[in-house]
Amino acid sequence: MTYSHDAFGVGHLKRNANIATRFLSEWPGSSALMVVGSPCGVYFPLPPGVDYIKVPSVIKRGTGVWAPRTLNVSPEMTKAIRASIILDAAEIFRPHLLLVDYVPTGVWGELLPTLQMLKTRPAAPKVILGLRDILDAPEVTRQLWRDQSAYEAISAYYDEVFIYGCQDIFDTASMYGLDGSFAPMVTYVGYLCSEEPCRRREEMRNELRVMNDKLVVATGGGGYDAYHMMRTCAQALTLLGAHVPFEAIFVAGPLMDPAQRESLRSLADHLPLRVVNVAEDNLGVLNAADVLIGMAGYNTLLEAIRLKKRIVVVPREGPSAEQRTRAEIFSRLGLVHMISPEQISAPALAEAILENLDAGPPSSAGLPAMDGLANTVHRMMTLVQRPAPDLAAVE
């Protein structure tokens, strides 16, 4: 059983789906039940054996501050509904493993009743906290976790902490107070990407009917707050004039406001630009690109790095420092070309696009460990006492 709260985006949801899919491929006949908060539910196919329950969606208003996304009810009522759904599902489903993404106690502490119930089971499941590499500014996360008694909850209810990153790139555990007595629980599994088959660049470009030699793809992940970045991209194309030396595809994302999506389509008139809501083969579209423009969300950024793409990133301004921190670190490593939110403009984006188009494919040197999915499932199978497969044989 997995839990992902997803408010702004769909990254936690997609990461848990990747883990569930790999787990079932290694352990045929098992089942994975995903508890999700994403407003769009699960908008991509799931394999047999995986299903999901959607709880009422919430939206993050600030650090540790949440509100009902669409229901006209109080936060207390929303919490009660979410908590009861999760508890009832866990009591009936009786998971052997519970994987919680990012929020140790859940939004508003909604996971605590479930964690307490599972702890009292005669055959209590293994409970795992999964953390992406960067959560927020360290002092912000530490204070929030103290206020929410998250450290006490991790100590009382969790068996393991998986960090989806590399310690030598960002020491997540020490930054967020998970060193010291928590250290034996922590495993750095490496960066976690999907294992979906990815069609070849030329095959995908033929399917997309790309006529130019160069293709630029802009993506905003879920798309909830990607409009400003994409509008500026469209303005950069306009700035380049009638002879734009590339075609562009904007993948707006399932959470972008429909009016904003239509605004982008209006801007695309008379430009070599197509705007789509979601891409049926998202990885294939990324692989077709010569340059990718996006925010600095974990999933899209890591998939683009794995595909060895030239990447221009404009990190989200807030409310979290997560994206800016990741963009700055990856920029220093030479993996991305970063434009800060304060510096984004049509001229800056136009210059960055042309510079990266001229630079050619990036070097494979210096790529971080990208085997987090296999390592995560390997460790999960060990926790429930099934011999792990020979990873070299299944890669």
Foldseek 3Di string as FASTA:
>chain_A
DEEDQDAQFCVVVVLVLQLQQVLCVQPPPEAEEYEYQDPVADPADHDPRYDYDYAQHWHDPFQLDIAGPPDPDGPVVSLVRSLVVVQVCCVVVVDQEYEYEDQQLPRVSSCVVNLVVLVPDPNRHAYEYEYEQFDFQLVSLQVSCVVVVSVVSCVPRHQAYEYQADCVLPNRCVSNVCPDPNPVRYDHLYHEAHPDDADAQVVLCVVVVFDAPAEEEEEERQQCPCLVVLVQQLVLQVVVPLCRRGAYEYARHQNHDPVSQVVSVVSCVSGSYYYHPHDNRNLRVLLNHQEYEYAQDRHVLLSNLVSQHAYEHEHDPDPGCGRVVNVVSCVVLVSYHYDYNVRRHSVVVNVSVVVSSVVGGDDPPRDIDHRSSLSVSCVVCVSSPDHGDDVVVVD
